[in-house]
Amino acid sequence: MKKGYLKVYTNTKRAVRRWFLRTLRPCQEMVPLMSESLERRLGVLEHLKLKLHLLVCTWCARYLKQIKFLRRLVRQRTFAAGTDSTSPVALTAEARQRISKSLRRRNSV
């Protein structure tokens, strides 16, 4: 009898997940939002959309984990290199804005 309940639960969970994946924003729209969430504080609606998508989409959740890891790795490496005289020069705020604007333009096309 418990096996039957487990099967119903598993099937229901799978069906709900599939329904959410079909009705939520596609991954292609969520990836830029994931990147932006690392650079700025998201609005409430953006934050909710992203969190809900990540709860349902294991691929995007894994991707966000990977980019967070890479970002942390680069920052640690830059910090460690900062004690060196050959440390890389950080981007200016203006350069970051130009890059961000260029990426947004490219994503909107």
PDB file of N, CA and C in Angstrom:
ATOM      1  N   MET A   1       0.809  -1.183   0.000  1.00  0.00           N
ATOM      2  CA  MET A   1       0.000   0.000   0.000  1.00  0.00           C
ATOM      3  C   MET A   1       0.863   1.261   0.000  1.00  0.00           C
ATOM      4  N   LYS A   2       1.967   1.261   0.728  1.00  0.00           N
ATOM      5  CA  LYS A   2       2.854   2.416   0.755  1.00  0.00           C
ATOM      6  C   LYS A   2       3.515   2.633  -0.588  1.00  0.00           C
ATOM      7  N   LYS A   3       3.786   1.537  -1.313  1.00  0.00           N
ATOM      8  CA  LYS A   3       4.385   1.670  -2.641  1.00  0.00           C
ATOM      9  C   LYS A   3       3.462   2.434  -3.577  1.00  0.00           C
ATOM     10  N   GLY A   4       2.187   2.199  -3.472  1.00  0.00           N
ATOM     11  CA  GLY A   4       1.206   2.889  -4.314  1.00  0.00           C
ATOM     12  C   GLY A   4       1.213   4.386  -4.070  1.00  0.00           C
ATOM     13  N   TYR A   5       1.294   4.782  -2.790  1.00  0.00           N
ATOM     14  CA  TYR A   5       1.345   6.194  -2.447  1.00  0.00           C
ATOM     15  C   TYR A   5       2.615   6.850  -2.967  1.00  0.00           C
ATOM     16  N   LEU A   6       3.703   6.131  -2.842  1.00  0.00           N
ATOM     17  CA  LEU A   6       4.980   6.652  -3.323  1.00  0.00           C
ATOM     18  C   LEU A   6       4.942   6.865  -4.829  1.00  0.00           C
ATOM     19  N   LYS A   7       4.343   5.920  -5.542  1.00  0.00           N
ATOM     20  CA  LYS A   7       4.245   6.032  -6.999  1.00  0.00           C
ATOM     21  C   LYS A   7       3.365   7.228  -7.391  1.00  0.00           C
ATOM     22  N   VAL A   8       2.247   7.397  -6.680  1.00  0.00           N
ATOM     23  CA  VAL A   8       1.354   8.526  -6.960  1.00  0.00           C
ATOM     24  C   VAL A   8       2.080   9.840  -6.676  1.00  0.00           C
ATOM     25  N   TYR A   9       2.797   9.894  -5.555  1.00  0.00           N
ATOM     26  CA  TYR A   9       3.550  11.102  -5.205  1.00  0.00           C
ATOM     27  C   TYR A   9       4.595  11.422  -6.262  1.00  0.00           C
ATOM     28  N   THR A  10       5.348  10.420  -6.672  1.00  0.00           N
ATOM     29  CA  THR A  10       6.403  10.619  -7.671  1.00  0.00           C
ATOM     30  C   THR A  10       5.816  11.080  -8.993  1.00  0.00           C
ATOM     31  N   ASN A  11       4.747  10.453  -9.422  1.00  0.00           N
ATOM     32  CA  ASN A  11       4.112  10.836 -10.695  1.00  0.00           C
ATOM     33  C   ASN A  11       3.535  12.248 -10.623  1.00  0.00           C
ATOM     34  N   THR A  12       2.930  12.591  -9.493  1.00  0.00           N
ATOM     35  CA  THR A  12       2.360  13.929  -9.318  1.00  0.00           C
ATOM     36  C   THR A  12       3.468  14.974  -9.320  1.00  0.00           C
ATOM     37  N   LYS A  13       4.523  14.690  -8.587  1.00  0.00           N
ATOM     38  CA  LYS A  13       5.658  15.613  -8.532  1.00  0.00           C
ATOM     39  C   LYS A  13       6.227  15.839  -9.931  1.00  0.00           C
ATOM     40  N   ARG A  14       6.380  14.785 -10.697  1.00  0.00           N
ATOM     41  CA  ARG A  14       6.910  14.876 -12.057  1.00  0.00           C
ATOM     42  C   ARG A  14       5.972  15.686 -12.951  1.00  0.00           C
ATOM     43  N   ALA A  15       4.672  15.451 -12.815  1.00  0.00           N
ATOM     44  CA  ALA A  15       3.686  16.172 -13.630  1.00  0.00           C
ATOM     45  C   ALA A  15       3.684  17.657 -13.306  1.00  0.00           C
ATOM     46  N   VAL A  16       3.759  17.991 -12.020  1.00  0.00           N
ATOM     47  CA  VAL A  16       3.787  19.402 -11.606  1.00  0.00           C
ATOM     48  C   VAL A  16       5.051  20.064 -12.136  1.00  0.00           C
ATOM     49  N   ARG A  17       6.169  19.386 -12.037  1.00  0.00           N
ATOM     50  CA  ARG A  17       7.445  19.932 -12.537  1.00  0.00           C
ATOM     51  C   ARG A  17       7.362  20.205 -14.036  1.00  0.00           C
ATOM     52  N   ARG A  18       6.819  19.255 -14.789  1.00  0.00           N
ATOM     53  CA  ARG A  18       6.676  19.437 -16.243  1.00  0.00           C
ATOM     54  C   ARG A  18       5.761  20.607 -16.565  1.00  0.00           C
ATOM     55  N   TRP A  19       4.657  20.723 -15.812  1.00  0.00           N
ATOM     56  CA  TRP A  19       3.731  21.828 -16.049  1.00  0.00           C
ATOM     57  C   TRP A  19       4.432  23.160 -15.817  1.00  0.00           C
ATOM     58  N   PHE A  20       5.185  23.268 -14.710  1.00  0.00           N
ATOM     59  CA  PHE A  20       5.915  24.498 -14.423  1.00  0.00           C
ATOM     60  C   PHE A  20       6.926  24.797 -15.522  1.00  0.00           C
ATOM     61  N   LEU A  21       7.633  23.777 -15.983  1.00  0.00           N
ATOM     62  CA  LEU A  21       8.627  23.999 -17.037  1.00  0.00           C
ATOM     63  C   LEU A  21       7.976  24.524 -18.317  1.00  0.00           C
ATOM     64  N   ARG A  22       6.764  24.068 -18.597  1.00  0.00           N
ATOM     65  CA  ARG A  22       6.067  24.540 -19.797  1.00  0.00           C
ATOM     66  C   ARG A  22       5.519  25.953 -19.620  1.00  0.00           C
ATOM     67  N   THR A  23       5.124  26.325 -18.410  1.00  0.00           N
ATOM     68  CA  THR A  23       4.469  27.620 -18.220  1.00  0.00           C
ATOM     69  C   THR A  23       5.430  28.739 -17.810  1.00  0.00           C
ATOM     70  N   LEU A  24       6.556  28.399 -17.221  1.00  0.00           N
ATOM     71  CA  LEU A  24       7.515  29.428 -16.808  1.00  0.00           C
ATOM     72  C   LEU A  24       8.317  29.934 -17.996  1.00  0.00           C
ATOM     73  N   ARG A  25       9.049  30.996 -17.772  1.00  0.00           N
ATOM     74  CA  ARG A  25       9.924  31.561 -18.800  1.00  0.00           C
ATOM     75  C   ARG A  25      10.954  30.521 -19.223  1.00  0.00           C
ATOM     76  N   PRO A  26      11.310  30.514 -20.502  1.00  0.00           N
ATOM     77  CA  PRO A  26      12.317  29.543 -20.959  1.00  0.00           C
ATOM     78  C   PRO A  26      13.705  29.859 -20.398  1.00  0.00           C
ATOM     79  N   CYS A  27      14.528  28.849 -20.401  1.00  0.00           N
ATOM     80  CA  CYS A  27      15.885  28.975 -19.856  1.00  0.00           C
ATOM     81  C   CYS A  27      16.671  30.095 -20.546  1.00  0.00           C
ATOM     82  N   GLN A  28      16.459  30.277 -21.843  1.00  0.00           N
ATOM     83  CA  GLN A  28      17.185  31.306 -22.588  1.00  0.00           C
ATOM     84  C   GLN A  28      16.922  32.690 -22.018  1.00  0.00           C
ATOM     85  N   GLU A  29      15.752  32.912 -21.436  1.00  0.00           N
ATOM     86  CA  GLU A  29      15.441  34.203 -20.826  1.00  0.00           C
ATOM     87  C   GLU A  29      15.964  34.291 -19.391  1.00  0.00           C
ATOM     88  N   MET A  30      16.158  33.146 -18.763  1.00  0.00           N
ATOM     89  CA  MET A  30      16.592  33.125 -17.365  1.00  0.00           C
ATOM     90  C   MET A  30      18.110  33.249 -17.220  1.00  0.00           C
ATOM     91  N   VAL A  31      18.852  32.782 -18.209  1.00  0.00           N
ATOM     92  CA  VAL A  31      20.318  32.817 -18.117  1.00  0.00           C
ATOM     93  C   VAL A  31      20.849  34.248 -17.960  1.00  0.00           C
ATOM     94  N   PRO A  32      20.406  35.213 -18.768  1.00  0.00           N
ATOM     95  CA  PRO A  32      20.887  36.592 -18.548  1.00  0.00           C
ATOM     96  C   PRO A  32      20.489  37.131 -17.168  1.00  0.00           C
ATOM     97  N   LEU A  33      19.312  36.730 -16.697  1.00  0.00           N
ATOM     98  CA  LEU A  33      18.858  37.169 -15.384  1.00  0.00           C
ATOM     99  C   LEU A  33      19.750  36.588 -14.281  1.00  0.00           C
ATOM    100  N   MET A  34      20.205  35.351 -14.475  1.00  0.00           N
ATOM    101  CA  MET A  34      21.125  34.743 -13.512  1.00  0.00           C
ATOM    102  C   MET A  34      22.425  35.542 -13.445  1.00  0.00           C
ATOM    103  N   SER A  35      22.944  35.905 -14.602  1.00  0.00           N
ATOM    104  CA  SER A  35      24.179  36.690 -14.638  1.00  0.00           C
ATOM    105  C   SER A  35      23.981  38.052 -13.991  1.00  0.00           C
ATOM    106  N   GLU A  36      22.861  38.675 -14.285  1.00  0.00           N
ATOM    107  CA  GLU A  36      22.571  39.990 -13.696  1.00  0.00           C
ATOM    108  C   GLU A  36      22.429  39.898 -12.184  1.00  0.00           C
ATOM    109  N   SER A  37      21.905  38.763 -11.701  1.00  0.00           N
ATOM    110  CA  SER A  37      21.707  38.619 -10.255  1.00  0.00           C
ATOM    111  C   SER A  37      23.037  38.610  -9.509  1.00  0.00           C
ATOM    112  N   LEU A  38      24.110  38.302 -10.205  1.00  0.00           N
ATOM    113  CA  LEU A  38      25.428  38.337  -9.585  1.00  0.00           C
ATOM    114  C   LEU A  38      26.001  39.750  -9.559  1.00  0.00           C
ATOM    115  N   GLU A  39      25.504  40.608 -10.429  1.00  0.00           N
ATOM    116  CA  GLU A  39      26.035  41.961 -10.560  1.00  0.00           C
ATOM    117  C   GLU A  39      25.195  43.026  -9.852  1.00  0.00           C
ATOM    118  N   ARG A  40      23.903  42.767  -9.726  1.00  0.00           N
ATOM    119  CA  ARG A  40      23.019  43.765  -9.111  1.00  0.00           C
ATOM    120  C   ARG A  40      21.920  43.056  -8.330  1.00  0.00           C
ATOM    121  N   ARG A  41      21.253  43.826  -7.495  1.00  0.00           N
ATOM    122  CA  ARG A  41      20.132  43.288  -6.729  1.00  0.00           C
ATOM    123  C   ARG A  41      18.898  43.264  -7.634  1.00  0.00           C
ATOM    124  N   LEU A  42      18.280  42.108  -7.763  1.00  0.00           N
ATOM    125  CA  LEU A  42      17.109  41.965  -8.621  1.00  0.00           C
ATOM    126  C   LEU A  42      15.874  42.541  -7.935  1.00  0.00           C
ATOM    127  N   GLY A  43      14.936  42.980  -8.768  1.00  0.00           N
ATOM    128  CA  GLY A  43      13.653  43.421  -8.232  1.00  0.00           C
ATOM    129  C   GLY A  43      12.898  42.222  -7.678  1.00  0.00           C
ATOM    130  N   VAL A  44      11.842  42.483  -6.939  1.00  0.00           N
ATOM    131  CA  VAL A  44      11.083  41.405  -6.295  1.00  0.00           C
ATOM    132  C   VAL A  44      10.530  40.432  -7.332  1.00  0.00           C
ATOM    133  N   LEU A  45       9.921  40.950  -8.383  1.00  0.00           N
ATOM    134  CA  LEU A  45       9.332  40.087  -9.404  1.00  0.00           C
ATOM    135  C   LEU A  45      10.404  39.278 -10.129  1.00  0.00           C
ATOM    136  N   GLU A  46      11.505  39.923 -10.485  1.00  0.00           N
ATOM    137  CA  GLU A  46      12.604  39.210 -11.137  1.00  0.00           C
ATOM    138  C   GLU A  46      13.148  38.105 -10.230  1.00  0.00           C
ATOM    139  N   HIS A  47      13.317  38.457  -8.959  1.00  0.00           N
ATOM    140  CA  HIS A  47      13.844  37.499  -7.988  1.00  0.00           C
ATOM    141  C   HIS A  47      12.914  36.283  -7.860  1.00  0.00           C
ATOM    142  N   LEU A  48      11.610  36.527  -7.779  1.00  0.00           N
ATOM    143  CA  LEU A  48      10.650  35.435  -7.659  1.00  0.00           C
ATOM    144  C   LEU A  48      10.643  34.553  -8.907  1.00  0.00           C
ATOM    145  N   LYS A  49      10.670  35.189 -10.085  1.00  0.00           N
ATOM    146  CA  LYS A  49      10.702  34.419 -11.337  1.00  0.00           C
ATOM    147  C   LYS A  49      11.925  33.520 -11.383  1.00  0.00           C
ATOM    148  N   LEU A  50      13.068  34.092 -11.010  1.00  0.00           N
ATOM    149  CA  LEU A  50      14.311  33.325 -11.041  1.00  0.00           C
ATOM    150  C   LEU A  50      14.273  32.181 -10.031  1.00  0.00           C
ATOM    151  N   LYS A  51      13.855  32.456  -8.805  1.00  0.00           N
ATOM    152  CA  LYS A  51      13.814  31.413  -7.770  1.00  0.00           C
ATOM    153  C   LYS A  51      12.865  30.284  -8.155  1.00  0.00           C
ATOM    154  N   LEU A  52      11.703  30.636  -8.674  1.00  0.00           N
ATOM    155  CA  LEU A  52      10.738  29.614  -9.086  1.00  0.00           C
ATOM    156  C   LEU A  52      11.308  28.779 -10.223  1.00  0.00           C
ATOM    157  N   HIS A  53      11.949  29.426 -11.179  1.00  0.00           N
ATOM    158  CA  HIS A  53      12.550  28.704 -12.292  1.00  0.00           C
ATOM    159  C   HIS A  53      13.644  27.752 -11.786  1.00  0.00           C
ATOM    160  N   LEU A  54      14.456  28.223 -10.852  1.00  0.00           N
ATOM    161  CA  LEU A  54      15.545  27.399 -10.325  1.00  0.00           C
ATOM    162  C   LEU A  54      15.027  26.215  -9.514  1.00  0.00           C
ATOM    163  N   LEU A  55      13.878  26.372  -8.871  1.00  0.00           N
ATOM    164  CA  LEU A  55      13.285  25.254  -8.139  1.00  0.00           C
ATOM    165  C   LEU A  55      12.860  24.125  -9.074  1.00  0.00           C
ATOM    166  N   VAL A  56      12.454  24.502 -10.276  1.00  0.00           N
ATOM    167  CA  VAL A  56      11.926  23.527 -11.219  1.00  0.00           C
ATOM    168  C   VAL A  56      12.992  23.022 -12.197  1.00  0.00           C
ATOM    169  N   CYS A  57      13.884  23.887 -12.602  1.00  0.00           N
ATOM    170  CA  CYS A  57      14.845  23.559 -13.668  1.00  0.00           C
ATOM    171  C   CYS A  57      16.210  23.204 -13.072  1.00  0.00           C
ATOM    172  N   THR A  58      16.518  21.938 -13.070  1.00  0.00           N
ATOM    173  CA  THR A  58      17.791  21.495 -12.488  1.00  0.00           C
ATOM    174  C   THR A  58      18.979  21.943 -13.329  1.00  0.00           C
ATOM    175  N   TRP A  59      18.784  22.089 -14.630  1.00  0.00           N
ATOM    176  CA  TRP A  59      19.893  22.517 -15.503  1.00  0.00           C
ATOM    177  C   TRP A  59      20.311  23.947 -15.180  1.00  0.00           C
ATOM    178  N   CYS A  60      19.330  24.815 -15.018  1.00  0.00           N
ATOM    179  CA  CYS A  60      19.644  26.211 -14.692  1.00  0.00           C
ATOM    180  C   CYS A  60      20.219  26.329 -13.285  1.00  0.00           C
ATOM    181  N   ALA A  61      19.699  25.532 -12.363  1.00  0.00           N
ATOM    182  CA  ALA A  61      20.242  25.555 -10.999  1.00  0.00           C
ATOM    183  C   ALA A  61      21.713  25.139 -11.020  1.00  0.00           C
ATOM    184  N   ARG A  62      22.027  24.143 -11.810  1.00  0.00           N
ATOM    185  CA  ARG A  62      23.419  23.695 -11.938  1.00  0.00           C
ATOM    186  C   ARG A  62      24.271  24.774 -12.601  1.00  0.00           C
ATOM    187  N   TYR A  63      23.720  25.414 -13.641  1.00  0.00           N
ATOM    188  CA  TYR A  63      24.451  26.468 -14.341  1.00  0.00           C
ATOM    189  C   TYR A  63      24.766  27.632 -13.399  1.00  0.00           C
ATOM    190  N   LEU A  64      23.780  28.046 -12.597  1.00  0.00           N
ATOM    191  CA  LEU A  64      24.002  29.153 -11.657  1.00  0.00           C
ATOM    192  C   LEU A  64      25.076  28.784 -10.640  1.00  0.00           C
ATOM    193  N   LYS A  65      25.046  27.553 -10.178  1.00  0.00           N
ATOM    194  CA  LYS A  65      26.065  27.087  -9.243  1.00  0.00           C
ATOM    195  C   LYS A  65      27.454  27.162  -9.883  1.00  0.00           C
ATOM    196  N   GLN A  66      27.539  26.787 -11.161  1.00  0.00           N
ATOM    197  CA  GLN A  66      28.820  26.809 -11.868  1.00  0.00           C
ATOM    198  C   GLN A  66      29.343  28.231 -12.059  1.00  0.00           C
ATOM    199  N   ILE A  67      28.464  29.164 -12.458  1.00  0.00           N
ATOM    200  CA  ILE A  67      28.966  30.520 -12.674  1.00  0.00           C
ATOM    201  C   ILE A  67      29.329  31.186 -11.350  1.00  0.00           C
ATOM    202  N   LYS A  68      28.619  30.839 -10.281  1.00  0.00           N
ATOM    203  CA  LYS A  68      29.002  31.364  -8.969  1.00  0.00           C
ATOM    204  C   LYS A  68      30.367  30.822  -8.561  1.00  0.00           C
ATOM    205  N   PHE A  69      30.596  29.542  -8.832  1.00  0.00           N
ATOM    206  CA  PHE A  69      31.889  28.928  -8.509  1.00  0.00           C
ATOM    207  C   PHE A  69      33.011  29.594  -9.304  1.00  0.00           C
ATOM    208  N   LEU A  70      32.794  29.781 -10.607  1.00  0.00           N
ATOM    209  CA  LEU A  70      33.811  30.412 -11.453  1.00  0.00           C
ATOM    210  C   LEU A  70      34.097  31.841 -11.010  1.00  0.00           C
ATOM    211  N   ARG A  71      33.057  32.558 -10.649  1.00  0.00           N
ATOM    212  CA  ARG A  71      33.225  33.932 -10.188  1.00  0.00           C
ATOM    213  C   ARG A  71      34.055  33.969  -8.907  1.00  0.00           C
ATOM    214  N   ARG A  72      33.728  33.076  -7.983  1.00  0.00           N
ATOM    215  CA  ARG A  72      34.470  33.007  -6.722  1.00  0.00           C
ATOM    216  C   ARG A  72      35.929  32.635  -6.979  1.00  0.00           C
ATOM    217  N   LEU A  73      36.148  31.709  -7.901  1.00  0.00           N
ATOM    218  CA  LEU A  73      37.497  31.278  -8.242  1.00  0.00           C
ATOM    219  C   LEU A  73      38.313  32.421  -8.834  1.00  0.00           C
ATOM    220  N   VAL A  74      37.717  33.172  -9.740  1.00  0.00           N
ATOM    221  CA  VAL A  74      38.408  34.303 -10.373  1.00  0.00           C
ATOM    222  C   VAL A  74      38.719  35.372  -9.339  1.00  0.00           C
ATOM    223  N   ARG A  75      37.758  35.638  -8.453  1.00  0.00           N
ATOM    224  CA  ARG A  75      37.982  36.654  -7.417  1.00  0.00           C
ATOM    225  C   ARG A  75      39.105  36.246  -6.467  1.00  0.00           C
ATOM    226  N   GLN A  76      39.143  34.981  -6.084  1.00  0.00           N
ATOM    227  CA  GLN A  76      40.207  34.504  -5.205  1.00  0.00           C
ATOM    228  C   GLN A  76      41.556  34.617  -5.899  1.00  0.00           C
ATOM    229  N   ARG A  77      41.582  34.262  -7.158  1.00  0.00           N
ATOM    230  CA  ARG A  77      42.824  34.322  -7.922  1.00  0.00           C
ATOM    231  C   ARG A  77      43.284  35.772  -8.078  1.00  0.00           C
ATOM    232  N   THR A  78      42.357  36.676  -8.342  1.00  0.00           N
ATOM    233  CA  THR A  78      42.683  38.091  -8.470  1.00  0.00           C
ATOM    234  C   THR A  78      43.172  38.646  -7.145  1.00  0.00           C
ATOM    235  N   PHE A  79      42.518  38.243  -6.057  1.00  0.00           N
ATOM    236  CA  PHE A  79      42.919  38.706  -4.733  1.00  0.00           C
ATOM    237  C   PHE A  79      44.316  38.194  -4.395  1.00  0.00           C
ATOM    238  N   ALA A  80      44.574  36.919  -4.694  1.00  0.00           N
ATOM    239  CA  ALA A  80      45.891  36.342  -4.424  1.00  0.00           C
ATOM    240  C   ALA A  80      46.950  37.022  -5.285  1.00  0.00           C
ATOM    241  N   ALA A  81      46.596  37.354  -6.521  1.00  0.00           N
ATOM    242  CA  ALA A  81      47.544  38.012  -7.420  1.00  0.00           C
ATOM    243  C   ALA A  81      47.739  39.473  -7.035  1.00  0.00           C
ATOM    244  N   GLY A  82      46.825  40.017  -6.247  1.00  0.00           N
ATOM    245  CA  GLY A  82      46.905  41.422  -5.846  1.00  0.00           C
ATOM    246  C   GLY A  82      48.139  41.741  -5.024  1.00  0.00           C
ATOM    247  N   THR A  83      48.726  40.747  -4.394  1.00  0.00           N
ATOM    248  CA  THR A  83      49.942  40.959  -3.613  1.00  0.00           C
ATOM    249  C   THR A  83      51.168  41.031  -4.513  1.00  0.00           C
ATOM    250  N   ASP A  84      51.010  40.644  -5.722  1.00  0.00           N
ATOM    251  CA  ASP A  84      52.048  40.607  -6.752  1.00  0.00           C
ATOM    252  C   ASP A  84      52.195  41.973  -7.417  1.00  0.00           C
ATOM    253  N   SER A  85      53.325  42.250  -7.952  1.00  0.00           N
ATOM    254  CA  SER A  85      53.472  43.489  -8.723  1.00  0.00           C
ATOM    255  C   SER A  85      52.934  43.307 -10.142  1.00  0.00           C
ATOM    256  N   THR A  86      52.694  42.060 -10.544  1.00  0.00           N
ATOM    257  CA  THR A  86      52.181  41.772 -11.891  1.00  0.00           C
ATOM    258  C   THR A  86      50.674  41.545 -11.878  1.00  0.00           C
ATOM    259  N   SER A  87      49.981  42.024 -10.850  1.00  0.00           N
ATOM    260  CA  SER A  87      48.551  41.769 -10.746  1.00  0.00           C
ATOM    261  C   SER A  87      47.802  42.449 -11.885  1.00  0.00           C
ATOM    262  N   PRO A  88      46.710  41.813 -12.344  1.00  0.00           N
ATOM    263  CA  PRO A  88      45.936  42.406 -13.435  1.00  0.00           C
ATOM    264  C   PRO A  88      45.228  43.673 -12.976  1.00  0.00           C
ATOM    265  N   VAL A  89      45.016  44.586 -13.898  1.00  0.00           N
ATOM    266  CA  VAL A  89      44.347  45.837 -13.602  1.00  0.00           C
ATOM    267  C   VAL A  89      42.840  45.587 -13.627  1.00  0.00           C
ATOM    268  N   ALA A  90      42.132  46.083 -12.635  1.00  0.00           N
ATOM    269  CA  ALA A  90      40.678  45.923 -12.569  1.00  0.00           C
ATOM    270  C   ALA A  90      40.015  46.862 -13.571  1.00  0.00           C
ATOM    271  N   LEU A  91      38.853  46.473 -14.035  1.00  0.00           N
ATOM    272  CA  LEU A  91      38.097  47.313 -14.961  1.00  0.00           C
ATOM    273  C   LEU A  91      37.538  48.529 -14.238  1.00  0.00           C
ATOM    274  N   THR A  92      37.485  49.625 -14.944  1.00  0.00           N
ATOM    275  CA  THR A  92      36.866  50.826 -14.378  1.00  0.00           C
ATOM    276  C   THR A  92      35.355  50.665 -14.426  1.00  0.00           C
ATOM    277  N   ALA A  93      34.654  51.478 -13.668  1.00  0.00           N
ATOM    278  CA  ALA A  93      33.190  51.431 -13.655  1.00  0.00           C
ATOM    279  C   ALA A  93      32.641  51.740 -15.050  1.00  0.00           C
ATOM    280  N   GLU A  94      33.282  52.666 -15.742  1.00  0.00           N
ATOM    281  CA  GLU A  94      32.847  53.032 -17.093  1.00  0.00           C
ATOM    282  C   GLU A  94      32.987  51.850 -18.051  1.00  0.00           C
ATOM    283  N   ALA A  95      34.105  51.135 -17.961  1.00  0.00           N
ATOM    284  CA  ALA A  95      34.321  49.966 -18.825  1.00  0.00           C
ATOM    285  C   ALA A  95      33.289  48.885 -18.530  1.00  0.00           C
ATOM    286  N   ARG A  96      32.980  48.677 -17.262  1.00  0.00           N
ATOM    287  CA  ARG A  96      31.968  47.679 -16.893  1.00  0.00           C
ATOM    288  C   ARG A  96      30.606  48.051 -17.476  1.00  0.00           C
ATOM    289  N   GLN A  97      30.264  49.341 -17.429  1.00  0.00           N
ATOM    290  CA  GLN A  97      28.983  49.788 -17.974  1.00  0.00           C
ATOM    291  C   GLN A  97      28.927  49.584 -19.483  1.00  0.00           C
ATOM    292  N   ARG A  98      30.032  49.890 -20.174  1.00  0.00           N
ATOM    293  CA  ARG A  98      30.061  49.688 -21.633  1.00  0.00           C
ATOM    294  C   ARG A  98      29.889  48.218 -21.981  1.00  0.00           C
ATOM    295  N   ILE A  99      30.563  47.355 -21.264  1.00  0.00           N
ATOM    296  CA  ILE A  99      30.452  45.913 -21.515  1.00  0.00           C
ATOM    297  C   ILE A  99      29.033  45.440 -21.235  1.00  0.00           C
ATOM    298  N   SER A 100      28.468  45.881 -20.117  1.00  0.00           N
ATOM    299  CA  SER A 100      27.113  45.493 -19.749  1.00  0.00           C
ATOM    300  C   SER A 100      26.107  45.946 -20.809  1.00  0.00           C
ATOM    301  N   LYS A 101      26.265  47.188 -21.272  1.00  0.00           N
ATOM    302  CA  LYS A 101      25.366  47.725 -22.297  1.00  0.00           C
ATOM    303  C   LYS A 101      25.497  46.925 -23.593  1.00  0.00           C
ATOM    304  N   SER A 102      26.713  46.599 -23.960  1.00  0.00           N
ATOM    305  CA  SER A 102      26.952  45.814 -25.175  1.00  0.00           C
ATOM    306  C   SER A 102      26.322  44.431 -25.075  1.00  0.00           C
ATOM    307  N   LEU A 103      26.451  43.792 -23.918  1.00  0.00           N
ATOM    308  CA  LEU A 103      25.856  42.467 -23.735  1.00  0.00           C
ATOM    309  C   LEU A 103      24.345  42.522 -23.770  1.00  0.00           C
ATOM    310  N   ARG A 104      23.759  43.552 -23.145  1.00  0.00           N
ATOM    311  CA  ARG A 104      22.301  43.692 -23.182  1.00  0.00           C
ATOM    312  C   ARG A 104      21.810  43.890 -24.603  1.00  0.00           C
ATOM    313  N   ARG A 105      22.539  44.721 -25.380  1.00  0.00           N
ATOM    314  CA  ARG A 105      22.178  44.967 -26.768  1.00  0.00           C
ATOM    315  C   ARG A 105      22.235  43.658 -27.562  1.00  0.00           C
ATOM    316  N   ARG A 106      23.282  42.871 -27.342  1.00  0.00           N
ATOM    317  CA  ARG A 106      23.446  41.614 -28.050  1.00  0.00           C
ATOM    318  C   ARG A 106      22.352  40.619 -27.682  1.00  0.00           C
ATOM    319  N   ASN A 107      21.937  40.591 -26.424  1.00  0.00           N
ATOM    320  CA  ASN A 107      20.895  39.670 -25.981  1.00  0.00           C
ATOM    321  C   ASN A 107      19.522  40.056 -26.489  1.00  0.00           C
ATOM    322  N   SER A 108      19.298  41.338 -26.729  1.00  0.00           N
ATOM    323  CA  SER A 108      17.996  41.785 -27.180  1.00  0.00           C
ATOM    324  C   SER A 108      17.795  41.564 -28.690  1.00  0.00           C
ATOM    325  N   VAL A 109      18.866  41.322 -29.411  1.00  0.00           N
ATOM    326  CA  VAL A 109      18.761  41.126 -30.864  1.00  0.00           C
ATOM    327  C   VAL A 109      18.345  39.735 -31.204  1.00  0.00           C
TER     328      VAL A 109
END
